[in-house]
Amino acid sequence: MGRQVQLAHMKIGRRKLDWSKLEPPKHHTELTVLDVLRTDPGRERDEMIMRWARAVWQSWEDRHAWGKDMTEKVLYEEGK
């Protein structure tokens, strides 16, 4: 999977696109990366990372369609 992501990033980098402005969410998650860093390493921090990631993903929920559309545009519309 890591190699596929790397190849996708390379493909994106080769394209000259006008990216639409992506406004950040109005409501931010209560968890921050500082909460992760303040948690002791190990299982507890791993769990905090996942909680933080889910919270961030949810806070951007109304932008998920934008991400899907841009991904399809960049990766699947060849030769444009």
Protein backbone atom coordinates (compact mmCIF):
# COMPACT_ATOMS: atom_id res chain seq x y z
CA MET A 1 0.00 0.00 0.00
CA GLY A 2 2.83 2.42 0.78
CA ARG A 3 4.23 2.15 -2.73
CA GLN A 4 0.79 2.86 -4.24
CA VAL A 5 0.52 6.01 -2.16
CA GLN A 6 4.01 7.08 -3.21
CA LEU A 7 3.15 6.56 -6.89
CA ALA A 8 -0.08 8.51 -6.46
CA HIS A 9 1.82 11.43 -4.91
CA MET A 10 4.30 11.36 -7.79
CA LYS A 11 1.45 11.42 -10.29
CA ILE A 12 -0.18 14.36 -8.51
CA GLY A 13 3.15 16.21 -8.49
CA ARG A 14 3.49 15.92 -12.26
CA ARG A 15 0.11 17.53 -12.92
CA LYS A 16 -0.38 21.28 -13.10
CA LEU A 17 -3.78 21.90 -11.55
CA ASP A 18 -5.72 24.81 -10.24
CA TRP A 19 -6.70 23.63 -6.79
CA SER A 20 -9.88 25.12 -5.46
CA LYS A 21 -9.59 26.76 -2.08
CA LEU A 22 -10.39 24.34 0.70
CA GLU A 23 -11.78 26.18 3.69
CA PRO A 24 -11.04 24.54 7.04
CA PRO A 25 -13.96 23.33 9.12
CA LYS A 26 -15.73 25.89 11.28
CA HIS A 27 -15.79 23.51 14.23
CA HIS A 28 -12.47 22.02 15.22
CA THR A 29 -11.98 18.85 17.17
CA GLU A 30 -11.31 19.16 20.88
CA LEU A 31 -8.39 16.75 20.52
CA THR A 32 -5.16 18.13 19.11
CA VAL A 33 -1.76 16.74 18.22
CA LEU A 34 -0.61 18.10 21.59
CA ASP A 35 -2.95 15.62 23.28
CA VAL A 36 -1.16 12.88 21.38
CA LEU A 37 2.30 14.18 22.27
CA ARG A 38 1.38 14.53 25.94
CA THR A 39 0.36 10.88 26.11
CA ASP A 40 2.99 8.39 27.19
CA PRO A 41 4.44 6.30 24.35
CA GLY A 42 3.06 2.84 23.83
CA ARG A 43 -0.45 1.46 23.67
CA GLU A 44 -2.04 4.50 25.32
CA ARG A 45 -0.48 6.88 22.77
CA ASP A 46 -1.40 4.57 19.89
CA GLU A 47 -5.02 4.70 21.06
CA MET A 48 -4.84 8.50 21.37
CA ILE A 49 -3.48 8.76 17.82
CA MET A 50 -6.48 6.82 16.54
CA ARG A 51 -8.93 8.94 18.59
CA TRP A 52 -7.34 12.12 17.26
CA ALA A 53 -7.34 10.84 13.66
CA ARG A 54 -11.03 9.89 13.88
CA ALA A 55 -11.90 13.27 15.37
CA VAL A 56 -10.04 15.15 12.64
CA TRP A 57 -11.63 12.99 9.92
CA GLN A 58 -15.08 13.71 11.37
CA SER A 59 -14.41 17.44 11.63
CA TRP A 60 -13.70 17.51 7.87
CA GLU A 61 -16.78 15.41 7.05
CA ASP A 62 -18.39 18.05 4.85
CA ARG A 63 -15.18 18.18 2.78
CA HIS A 64 -14.99 14.43 2.06
CA ALA A 65 -16.77 14.80 -1.30
CA TRP A 66 -14.23 17.48 -2.31
CA GLY A 67 -11.39 15.09 -1.52
CA LYS A 68 -13.00 12.26 -3.47
CA ASP A 69 -13.68 14.51 -6.46
CA MET A 70 -10.14 15.90 -6.51
CA THR A 71 -8.63 12.44 -6.17
CA GLU A 72 -10.65 11.18 -9.11
CA LYS A 73 -9.77 14.27 -11.15
CA VAL A 74 -6.05 13.99 -10.47
CA LEU A 75 -5.57 10.25 -10.60
CA TYR A 76 -8.11 9.08 -13.15
CA GLU A 77 -8.49 11.84 -15.73
CA GLU A 78 -5.49 10.97 -17.87
CA GLY A 79 -3.95 13.25 -20.44
CA LYS A 80 -5.60 16.50 -19.41
